[in-house]
Protein backbone atom coordinates (compact mmCIF):
# COMPACT_ATOMS: atom_id res chain seq x y z
CA UNK A 1 -171.81 270.44 121.81
CA UNK A 2 -168.09 271.17 121.25
CA UNK A 3 -166.66 273.34 118.49
CA UNK A 4 -163.08 272.76 117.42
CA UNK A 5 -161.18 274.79 114.88
CA UNK A 6 -160.16 278.30 113.94
CA UNK A 7 -162.35 281.10 115.25
CA UNK A 8 -162.66 284.39 113.42
CA UNK A 9 -163.84 287.78 114.67
CA UNK A 10 -162.89 286.71 118.19
CA UNK A 11 -162.30 289.15 120.99
CA UNK A 12 -159.24 288.40 123.09
CA UNK A 13 -159.62 288.47 126.85
CA UNK A 14 -158.18 291.47 128.55
CA UNK A 15 -157.68 292.26 132.22
CA UNK A 16 -160.62 294.07 133.72
CA UNK A 17 -160.06 295.45 137.20
CA UNK A 18 -163.78 295.85 137.70
CA UNK A 19 -164.40 292.14 137.19
CA UNK A 20 -163.45 289.76 139.97
CA UNK A 21 -165.05 286.33 139.86
CA UNK A 22 -165.86 284.86 143.26
CA UNK A 23 -163.64 282.28 144.89
CA UNK A 24 -164.71 278.87 143.60
CA UNK A 25 -166.95 276.66 145.68
CA UNK A 26 -165.03 273.65 146.98
CA UNK A 27 -166.26 270.36 148.39
CA UNK A 28 -165.10 266.79 147.92
CA UNK A 29 -168.07 264.75 146.71
CA UNK A 30 -167.11 261.13 146.25
CA UNK A 31 -168.67 257.70 145.93
CA UNK A 32 -167.21 254.23 146.41
CA UNK A 33 -167.47 251.68 143.61
CA UNK A 34 -166.92 248.25 145.17
CA UNK A 35 -165.87 245.29 143.05
CA UNK A 36 -165.43 242.61 145.72
CA UNK A 37 -168.24 240.06 145.42
CA UNK A 38 -169.57 242.25 142.56
CA UNK A 39 -171.20 244.62 145.05
CA UNK A 40 -171.28 247.55 142.60
CA UNK A 41 -169.36 246.68 139.46
CA UNK A 42 -169.40 244.60 137.37
CA UNK A 43 -172.92 243.55 138.31
CA UNK A 44 -171.88 239.91 137.89
CA UNK A 45 -168.77 238.07 136.70
CA UNK A 46 -168.53 237.01 133.11
CA UNK A 47 -170.00 240.06 131.40
CA UNK A 48 -168.45 240.95 128.08
CA UNK A 49 -166.04 243.86 127.89
CA UNK A 50 -168.69 246.02 126.24
CA UNK A 51 -171.21 245.18 128.98
CA UNK A 52 -168.67 246.02 131.67
CA UNK A 53 -167.84 249.30 129.98
CA UNK A 54 -171.51 250.20 129.63
CA UNK A 55 -172.18 249.58 133.33
CA UNK A 56 -169.19 251.62 134.46
CA UNK A 57 -169.97 254.42 132.02
CA UNK A 58 -173.52 254.62 133.41
CA UNK A 59 -172.10 255.02 136.91
CA UNK A 60 -169.70 257.75 135.83
CA UNK A 61 -172.46 259.53 133.92
CA UNK A 62 -174.65 259.50 137.01
CA UNK A 63 -171.80 260.82 139.14
CA UNK A 64 -171.26 263.67 136.69
CA UNK A 65 -174.99 264.47 136.49
CA UNK A 66 -175.12 264.60 140.26
CA UNK A 67 -172.08 266.94 140.31
CA UNK A 68 -169.91 264.56 142.24
CA UNK A 69 -166.22 265.13 141.60
CA UNK A 70 -164.53 261.85 142.59
CA UNK A 71 -164.92 258.09 142.25
CA UNK A 72 -163.13 255.62 144.54
CA UNK A 73 -162.84 252.44 142.47
CA UNK A 74 -161.80 249.18 144.10
CA UNK A 75 -158.98 247.79 141.95
CA UNK A 76 -157.46 245.19 144.29
CA UNK A 77 -160.13 243.36 146.31
CA UNK A 78 -157.98 240.40 147.45
CA UNK A 79 -154.52 240.20 145.87
CA UNK A 80 -156.20 240.23 142.46
CA UNK A 81 -156.35 243.01 139.90
CA UNK A 82 -158.98 244.86 137.92
CA UNK A 83 -156.20 246.11 135.67
CA UNK A 84 -153.33 244.65 133.66
CA UNK A 85 -150.94 243.67 136.43
CA UNK A 86 -147.53 242.04 136.10
CA UNK A 87 -147.70 241.10 139.79
CA UNK A 88 -151.18 239.73 140.51
CA UNK A 89 -153.79 237.81 138.49
CA UNK A 90 -156.90 239.22 136.88
CA UNK A 91 -159.78 239.36 139.36
CA UNK A 92 -162.43 236.64 139.18
CA UNK A 93 -165.04 239.36 139.69
CA UNK A 94 -164.41 240.41 136.09
CA UNK A 95 -164.59 237.20 134.09
CA UNK A 96 -165.60 234.56 136.63
CA UNK A 97 -162.16 232.95 136.49
CA UNK A 98 -159.10 234.24 138.30
CA UNK A 99 -156.31 235.11 135.88
CA UNK A 100 -158.56 235.43 132.83
CA UNK A 101 -158.55 238.88 131.16
CA UNK A 102 -161.70 240.57 129.84
CA UNK A 103 -162.94 239.59 126.38
CA UNK A 104 -162.48 241.32 124.08
CA UNK A 105 -159.42 242.63 125.87
CA UNK A 106 -159.32 246.03 127.52
CA UNK A 107 -157.78 247.44 130.70
CA UNK A 108 -160.62 248.37 133.10
CA UNK A 109 -158.56 250.78 135.18
CA UNK A 110 -157.19 252.60 132.15
CA UNK A 111 -160.73 252.83 130.80
CA UNK A 112 -162.06 254.09 134.16
CA UNK A 113 -159.38 256.77 134.49
CA UNK A 114 -159.92 258.05 130.96
CA UNK A 115 -163.70 258.11 131.24
CA UNK A 116 -163.68 259.69 134.70
CA UNK A 117 -161.35 262.48 133.62
CA UNK A 118 -163.48 263.18 130.54
CA UNK A 119 -166.34 263.89 132.94
CA UNK A 120 -164.26 266.07 135.28
CA UNK A 121 -164.11 263.34 137.95
CA UNK A 122 -161.08 262.34 139.95
CA UNK A 123 -160.36 258.60 140.00
CA UNK A 124 -158.90 257.14 143.19
CA UNK A 125 -157.59 253.56 143.06
CA UNK A 126 -158.87 251.65 146.10
CA UNK A 127 -156.70 248.78 147.37
CA UNK A 128 -157.04 246.25 150.13
CA UNK A 129 -153.48 245.97 151.44
CA UNK A 130 -153.66 242.63 153.27
CA UNK A 131 -156.68 240.55 152.25
CA UNK A 132 -155.33 237.77 150.04
CA UNK A 133 -158.38 235.71 149.12
CA UNK A 134 -162.11 235.47 149.74
CA UNK A 135 -162.63 231.73 150.01
CA UNK A 136 -165.17 230.08 147.75
CA UNK A 137 -165.62 226.40 146.86
CA UNK A 138 -166.11 227.36 143.21
CA UNK A 139 -162.98 229.49 142.96
CA UNK A 140 -160.00 228.09 141.09
CA UNK A 141 -156.97 229.97 142.38
CA UNK A 142 -154.61 231.05 139.61
CA UNK A 143 -150.99 229.87 139.75
CA UNK A 144 -149.91 233.54 139.71
CA UNK A 145 -151.81 234.31 142.94
CA UNK A 146 -149.64 235.15 145.94
CA UNK A 147 -150.97 232.14 147.86
CA UNK A 148 -149.42 229.94 145.16
CA UNK A 149 -146.34 231.97 144.29
CA UNK A 150 -145.36 233.00 147.82
CA UNK A 151 -147.35 230.91 150.29
CA UNK A 152 -144.99 231.83 153.13
CA UNK A 153 -146.55 235.32 153.18
CA UNK A 154 -150.12 234.05 153.59
CA UNK A 155 -152.15 232.98 156.64
CA UNK A 156 -155.41 231.03 156.68
CA UNK A 157 -157.93 232.82 158.89
CA UNK A 158 -161.65 232.11 158.93
CA UNK A 159 -163.36 232.88 155.61
CA UNK A 160 -160.21 234.42 154.15
CA UNK A 161 -156.58 234.05 153.32
CA UNK A 162 -154.63 237.01 154.68
CA UNK A 163 -151.22 238.49 154.11
CA UNK A 164 -149.32 238.60 157.40
CA UNK A 165 -148.69 242.26 158.28
CA UNK A 166 -145.85 241.22 160.59
CA UNK A 167 -143.69 239.97 157.74
CA UNK A 168 -141.51 242.73 156.24
CA UNK A 169 -141.74 240.95 152.89
CA UNK A 170 -145.52 241.55 152.93
CA UNK A 171 -144.92 245.28 153.31
CA UNK A 172 -142.54 245.17 150.34
CA UNK A 173 -145.03 243.16 148.30
CA UNK A 174 -148.11 245.32 148.89
CA UNK A 175 -146.17 248.55 148.38
CA UNK A 176 -144.88 247.19 145.07
CA UNK A 177 -148.48 246.53 143.98
CA UNK A 178 -149.61 250.06 144.83
CA UNK A 179 -146.60 251.74 143.24
CA UNK A 180 -147.05 249.70 140.07
CA UNK A 181 -150.47 251.34 139.66
CA UNK A 182 -149.28 254.81 140.68
CA UNK A 183 -146.48 254.76 138.13
CA UNK A 184 -148.43 253.28 135.21
CA UNK A 185 -151.86 254.89 135.55
CA UNK A 186 -152.95 258.51 135.75
CA UNK A 187 -154.84 258.03 139.02
CA UNK A 188 -155.56 261.00 141.27
CA UNK A 189 -155.41 259.11 144.52
CA UNK A 190 -154.65 255.86 146.34
CA UNK A 191 -157.27 254.72 148.82
CA UNK A 192 -157.49 252.16 151.64
CA UNK A 193 -160.62 251.24 153.55
CA UNK A 194 -160.96 249.76 157.07
CA UNK A 195 -159.25 246.35 156.68
CA UNK A 196 -155.83 246.00 158.33
CA UNK A 197 -155.42 243.01 160.59
CA UNK A 198 -158.68 241.13 159.93
CA UNK A 199 -161.94 241.62 161.77
CA UNK A 200 -162.13 238.81 164.35
CA UNK A 201 -163.39 235.44 163.14
CA UNK A 202 -164.95 232.85 165.42
CA UNK A 203 -164.00 229.19 165.60
CA UNK A 204 -166.30 226.19 165.76
CA UNK A 205 -166.67 226.70 169.53
CA UNK A 206 -167.94 230.27 169.05
CA UNK A 207 -164.91 231.99 170.53
CA UNK A 208 -162.75 234.52 168.71
CA UNK A 209 -159.73 233.07 166.98
CA UNK A 210 -156.42 234.88 167.26
CA UNK A 211 -154.69 235.79 164.03
CA UNK A 212 -152.18 233.00 163.24
CA UNK A 213 -148.97 235.03 163.12
CA UNK A 214 -146.91 232.94 165.54
CA UNK A 215 -144.01 232.45 163.06
CA UNK A 216 -143.55 236.19 162.42
CA UNK A 217 -144.06 237.01 166.11
CA UNK A 218 -141.25 234.64 167.05
CA UNK A 219 -138.99 235.86 164.22
CA UNK A 220 -139.59 239.61 164.47
CA UNK A 221 -141.90 240.47 167.34
CA UNK A 222 -140.11 238.96 170.33
CA UNK A 223 -136.97 240.96 169.62
CA UNK A 224 -138.89 244.22 169.15
CA UNK A 225 -139.32 244.83 172.88
CA UNK A 226 -143.03 245.50 172.33
CA UNK A 227 -146.09 243.66 173.53
CA UNK A 228 -147.69 241.52 170.84
CA UNK A 229 -150.57 243.99 170.43
CA UNK A 230 -148.23 246.98 170.17
CA UNK A 231 -146.01 245.08 167.75
CA UNK A 232 -149.00 244.40 165.51
CA UNK A 233 -149.97 248.07 165.59
CA UNK A 234 -146.40 249.07 164.80
CA UNK A 235 -146.42 246.75 161.77
CA UNK A 236 -149.40 248.64 160.35
CA UNK A 237 -148.08 252.07 161.36
CA UNK A 238 -144.75 251.46 159.66
CA UNK A 239 -146.48 250.27 156.51
CA UNK A 240 -148.73 253.34 156.31
CA UNK A 241 -145.84 255.75 156.87
CA UNK A 242 -143.62 254.03 154.31
CA UNK A 243 -146.37 253.80 151.70
CA UNK A 244 -147.18 257.51 152.05
CA UNK A 245 -143.56 258.45 151.46
CA UNK A 246 -143.25 256.00 148.56
CA UNK A 247 -146.27 257.45 146.75
CA UNK A 248 -144.90 260.97 147.12
CA UNK A 249 -141.50 259.89 145.82
CA UNK A 250 -143.16 258.41 142.72
CA UNK A 251 -145.77 261.09 142.01
CA UNK A 252 -146.03 263.88 144.59
CA UNK A 253 -149.48 264.98 143.41
CA UNK A 254 -151.19 261.62 143.95
CA UNK A 255 -153.25 261.85 147.13
CA UNK A 256 -153.29 259.06 149.71
CA UNK A 257 -156.43 258.55 151.76
CA UNK A 258 -157.67 256.05 154.31
CA UNK A 259 -161.24 255.25 155.35
CA UNK A 260 -160.96 253.56 158.76
CA UNK A 261 -163.72 252.26 160.97
CA UNK A 262 -165.47 255.36 162.32
CA UNK A 263 -164.70 254.79 166.03
CA UNK A 264 -161.04 254.99 167.02
CA UNK A 265 -161.66 253.56 170.50
CA UNK A 266 -164.80 253.33 172.64
CA UNK A 267 -164.89 256.26 175.04
CA UNK A 268 -163.42 258.73 172.55
CA UNK A 269 -165.36 260.93 173.00
CA UNK A 270 -166.74 259.67 176.33
CA UNK A 271 -170.29 258.80 175.22
CA UNK A 272 -169.16 256.58 172.32
CA UNK A 273 -169.50 252.80 172.51
CA UNK A 274 -168.81 250.13 169.94
CA UNK A 275 -166.12 248.18 168.14
CA UNK A 276 -162.48 248.89 169.11
CA UNK A 277 -160.40 249.00 165.91
CA UNK A 278 -157.29 249.91 167.90
CA UNK A 279 -157.48 246.69 169.90
CA UNK A 280 -159.07 244.36 167.33
CA UNK A 281 -157.72 245.49 163.93
CA UNK A 282 -154.48 246.89 165.39
CA UNK A 283 -155.30 250.06 163.48
CA UNK A 284 -154.18 253.21 165.28
CA UNK A 285 -156.08 255.36 162.82
CA UNK A 286 -155.81 258.47 164.97
CA UNK A 287 -152.01 258.30 164.78
CA UNK A 288 -152.02 258.28 160.97
CA UNK A 289 -154.05 261.48 160.96
CA UNK A 290 -152.05 263.16 163.72
CA UNK A 291 -148.75 262.35 162.00
CA UNK A 292 -149.98 263.53 158.59
CA UNK A 293 -149.37 260.18 156.85
CA UNK A 294 -152.48 260.79 154.77
CA UNK A 295 -153.70 263.55 152.49
CA UNK A 296 -157.33 262.86 153.28
CA UNK A 297 -159.13 260.93 155.98
CA UNK A 298 -162.55 259.37 155.50
CA UNK A 299 -163.72 257.73 158.74
CA UNK A 300 -166.69 255.48 158.10
CA UNK A 301 -169.35 257.29 160.13
CA UNK A 302 -172.10 254.87 159.19
CA UNK A 303 -174.46 255.81 162.01
CA UNK A 304 -177.40 258.16 162.29
CA UNK A 305 -177.34 261.61 163.83
CA UNK A 306 -179.35 260.99 166.99
CA UNK A 307 -178.21 257.76 168.75
CA UNK A 308 -175.79 259.08 171.39
CA UNK A 309 -173.56 255.99 171.56
CA UNK A 310 -172.65 256.24 167.85
CA UNK A 311 -173.60 259.73 166.74
CA UNK A 312 -172.55 261.02 163.33
CA UNK A 313 -171.97 264.66 164.39
CA UNK A 314 -170.34 263.75 167.72
CA UNK A 315 -167.83 261.43 166.08
CA UNK A 316 -167.24 263.86 163.22
CA UNK A 317 -166.38 266.68 165.61
CA UNK A 318 -164.05 264.39 167.57
CA UNK A 319 -162.13 263.49 164.42
CA UNK A 320 -161.71 267.19 163.53
CA UNK A 321 -159.99 267.63 166.89
CA UNK A 322 -157.41 264.94 166.05
CA UNK A 323 -156.13 266.71 162.94
CA UNK A 324 -153.25 269.06 163.87
CA UNK A 325 -151.75 268.98 160.35
CA UNK A 326 -155.11 270.00 158.83
CA UNK A 327 -155.38 267.17 156.37
CA UNK A 328 -158.64 266.84 154.46
CA UNK A 329 -161.46 265.33 156.50
CA UNK A 330 -164.16 263.81 154.28
CA UNK A 331 -166.36 261.40 156.29
CA UNK A 332 -167.87 258.31 154.74
CA UNK A 333 -171.68 258.26 154.92
CA UNK A 334 -173.94 255.21 154.95
CA UNK A 335 -176.09 256.33 152.03
CA UNK A 336 -177.08 252.67 151.60
CA UNK A 337 -179.04 253.13 154.84
CA UNK A 338 -181.53 255.21 152.88
CA UNK A 339 -182.00 252.44 150.32
CA UNK A 340 -183.62 249.85 152.55
CA UNK A 341 -180.60 247.55 152.36
CA UNK A 342 -179.94 245.29 155.32
CA UNK A 343 -183.57 245.29 156.45
CA UNK A 344 -183.40 248.90 157.47
CA UNK A 345 -184.47 252.12 155.86
CA UNK A 346 -183.44 255.58 156.87
CA UNK A 347 -185.35 258.58 155.62
CA UNK A 348 -183.54 260.40 152.84
CA UNK A 349 -183.49 263.44 155.12
CA UNK A 350 -180.95 261.63 157.29
CA UNK A 351 -178.36 261.70 154.49
CA UNK A 352 -179.27 265.24 153.45
CA UNK A 353 -178.87 266.50 157.01
CA UNK A 354 -175.56 264.69 157.41
CA UNK A 355 -174.25 266.57 154.38
CA UNK A 356 -175.47 269.82 155.93
CA UNK A 357 -173.66 268.90 159.15
CA UNK A 358 -170.40 268.41 157.25
CA UNK A 359 -170.80 271.89 155.79
CA UNK A 360 -171.39 273.40 159.23
CA UNK A 361 -168.47 271.62 160.89
CA UNK A 362 -165.18 273.50 160.84
CA UNK A 363 -162.36 271.44 159.37
CA UNK A 364 -164.63 269.26 157.20
CA UNK A 365 -164.59 269.91 153.46
CA UNK A 366 -166.45 267.02 151.85
CA UNK A 367 -167.94 263.55 152.16
CA UNK A 368 -168.06 260.17 150.43
CA UNK A 369 -171.15 258.06 149.73
CA UNK A 370 -171.27 254.35 150.40
CA UNK A 371 -172.02 253.47 147.65
CA UNK A 372 -172.54 254.37 143.98
CA UNK A 373 -175.27 251.74 143.57
CA UNK A 374 -177.53 253.67 145.92
CA UNK A 375 -177.07 256.82 143.86
CA UNK A 376 -178.25 254.90 140.80
CA UNK A 377 -181.36 253.47 142.48
CA UNK A 378 -182.65 255.97 145.05
CA UNK A 379 -184.26 258.43 142.64
CA UNK A 380 -185.93 260.44 145.38
CA UNK A 381 -182.63 261.07 147.17
CA UNK A 382 -180.90 261.96 143.91
CA UNK A 383 -183.65 264.46 143.07
CA UNK A 384 -183.29 266.12 146.47
CA UNK A 385 -179.51 266.37 146.09
CA UNK A 386 -179.78 267.87 142.61
CA UNK A 387 -182.42 270.36 143.71
CA UNK A 388 -180.48 271.76 146.64
CA UNK A 389 -177.19 270.46 148.04
CA UNK A 390 -175.65 269.57 144.68
CA UNK A 391 -177.34 272.24 142.59
CA UNK A 392 -173.97 273.84 141.84
CA UNK A 393 -170.66 272.23 140.94
CA UNK A 394 -167.73 272.24 143.37
CA UNK A 395 -163.98 271.86 142.99
CA UNK A 396 -162.04 269.29 144.97
CA UNK A 397 -160.35 271.14 147.87
CA UNK A 398 -156.71 272.03 147.28
CA UNK A 399 -153.85 270.24 149.08
CA UNK A 400 -151.33 273.04 149.72
CA UNK A 401 -148.92 270.77 151.64
CA UNK A 402 -148.32 268.95 148.35
CA UNK A 403 -147.92 272.04 146.16
CA UNK A 404 -148.99 275.64 146.71
CA UNK A 405 -147.92 277.05 143.33
CA UNK A 406 -150.87 278.12 141.17
CA UNK A 407 -150.85 277.65 137.38
CA UNK A 408 -150.66 280.59 135.00
CA UNK A 409 -153.77 282.01 133.30
CA UNK A 410 -154.80 280.58 129.92
CA UNK A 411 -155.26 282.60 126.74
CA UNK A 412 -158.99 283.20 126.23
CA UNK A 413 -160.90 284.32 123.14
CA UNK A 414 -164.65 284.74 122.71
CA UNK A 415 -166.46 284.76 119.37
CA UNK A 416 -169.58 286.73 120.22
CA UNK A 417 -170.77 286.88 116.59
CA UNK A 418 -170.89 283.17 115.84
CA UNK A 419 -174.17 281.31 116.07
CA UNK A 420 -174.12 280.13 118.77
CA UNK A 421 -171.41 282.24 120.45
CA UNK A 422 -168.47 280.37 121.90
CA UNK A 423 -165.31 280.78 123.93
CA UNK A 424 -161.98 279.06 123.31
CA UNK A 425 -158.82 279.00 125.36
CA UNK A 426 -155.34 277.54 125.24
CA UNK A 427 -153.34 276.01 128.08
CA UNK A 428 -150.73 278.13 129.82
CA UNK A 429 -147.09 277.04 129.85
CA UNK A 430 -145.83 275.15 132.85
CA UNK A 431 -147.33 272.29 134.81
CA UNK A 432 -150.13 270.17 133.33
CA UNK A 433 -153.72 271.27 133.77
CA UNK A 434 -156.01 268.85 135.59
CA UNK A 435 -159.21 270.60 134.56
CA UNK A 436 -160.64 274.04 133.90
CA UNK A 437 -162.74 276.27 136.09
CA UNK A 438 -165.31 278.12 133.97
CA UNK A 439 -167.15 280.99 135.67
CA UNK A 440 -169.83 283.02 133.90
CA UNK A 441 -171.77 286.08 134.98
CA UNK A 442 -175.27 287.12 133.96
CA UNK A 443 -176.08 290.45 135.56
CA UNK A 444 -174.76 290.11 139.11
CA UNK A 445 -175.04 286.32 139.32
CA UNK A 446 -171.97 284.13 138.82
CA UNK A 447 -172.18 280.44 137.91
CA UNK A 448 -169.40 277.89 138.25
CA UNK A 449 -168.68 274.86 136.09
CA UNK A 450 -165.71 272.57 135.53
CA UNK A 451 -164.47 271.20 132.25
CA UNK A 452 -161.96 268.38 131.58
CA UNK A 453 -158.41 269.36 130.67
CA UNK A 454 -158.94 268.15 127.10
CA UNK A 455 -161.84 270.56 126.52
CA UNK A 456 -160.84 274.00 125.27
CA UNK A 457 -164.16 275.30 123.92
CA UNK A 458 -167.46 276.32 125.53
CA UNK A 459 -170.57 276.91 123.42
CA UNK A 460 -173.31 279.17 124.76
CA UNK A 461 -176.62 277.98 123.36
CA UNK A 462 -178.55 280.63 125.25
CA UNK A 463 -177.60 284.24 125.89
CA UNK A 464 -173.91 285.09 125.92
CA UNK A 465 -172.78 285.90 129.49
CA UNK A 466 -171.81 289.42 130.48
CA UNK A 467 -168.46 288.09 131.70
CA UNK A 468 -166.51 284.87 131.26
CA UNK A 469 -163.56 283.76 133.40
CA UNK A 470 -161.45 280.67 132.74
CA UNK A 471 -158.84 279.41 135.19
CA UNK A 472 -156.49 276.44 135.08
CA UNK A 473 -156.65 273.97 137.97
CA UNK A 474 -153.58 271.83 138.68
CA UNK A 475 -153.32 268.24 139.96
CA UNK A 476 -153.57 269.19 143.63
CA UNK A 477 -156.43 271.67 143.21
CA UNK A 478 -154.62 274.99 142.99
CA UNK A 479 -156.58 277.48 140.87
CA UNK A 480 -154.62 279.91 138.74
CA UNK A 481 -155.38 283.54 138.01
CA UNK A 482 -158.30 283.70 135.56
CA UNK A 483 -158.37 284.95 132.01
CA UNK A 484 -161.42 287.26 131.83
CA UNK A 485 -163.58 288.44 128.95
CA UNK A 486 -166.32 291.03 129.27
CA UNK A 487 -168.98 292.02 126.77
CA UNK A 488 -168.39 295.34 124.99
CA UNK A 489 -170.56 298.10 126.39
């Protein structure tokens, strides 16, 4: 219930040296929303705009109820767009036909950003930088798709078409796509997952096929002085570094995060075995973290706690040791494993304990669930999270390397005589407010809540708190000095 309008008999907040609200609890709590192949949203292609909106709204409502604070929404699955793009065609996962907009028309990303922010959720736009097309015999490729407009950038590899990372024009193209979104939409972050050079595909003889980049190798790689493998890695490294700088030049507060495969290389640390992304995907993920070309890092630690060859806590600790610039480390968790998907079922306690491990591990300040669908279906897990680990709200951790200046305090008034009593506040001058931190005290117990930047009123249906503190939070998570009201004694 929100009250808007002029308040009478209100008591203005005044400094009270005896009242100091506690430092706010902070933890990144995110969930991926995958659109490729309609994994999460929309549930199937061809839904009406209202049906699509209803499904996404239900997901955001669940995230808010669960006290998550971020959604990572896939907006570019394969050189297609779940938003109004001037560069790439509408995604077939929306309407069933590539290039066809939703009916009646709306912009899904604009809708998602607005609805997420109303619920106090960050919205990170998730892109695949190189995957150009998921092949399907039923798919009619739009004439505006890159494979039709600029076929020289595209390679045919297994089940996919792929942009060639070795072509400088590909780097220009994908960066232009990302910056188009950053400039036009009020997103809080840009996100990549684990796809760089493609995961190996096998030919008809069962052997791994090499990525078909012979033309770019001959044109650019031979003169680089690098081996072909090192040249491929350098192509990705240069792209990541350039994109990071480009995002900051456009909007310094927009965070850039990557969620690579959870193992950098087998043998790091020594007990670890498994897939080698460094050698197979040409993804030197450790370098991106060491160099600080990301604001947050979300390695996909999709394994259980106990197996020694791929152990969640062992790998998590190793990644914390590769982070000299102290960027955010928010591991990705295989919450789907507790849903029975893939003919396996983990106990819910596995996910709960992994969250506890992140909270005990120095240098780790959050986690991301794969995926939102599980948090809509696994009611037992959701109940456990709400009862304990997510019982209280948490702010997204601040990013002081982006901006360390805190906003000014708001102006706070409390009408203790209204029925019900309510508090109102106005924004301080200066930089825009991302959302509000509301802290209330009953007796000696403080509670913490967040409110969207558009909300300036809090109604207290039950007993009026003994103390109320409201602080502005800026786009990178800095919390300003609070305005404080205390009950007259």
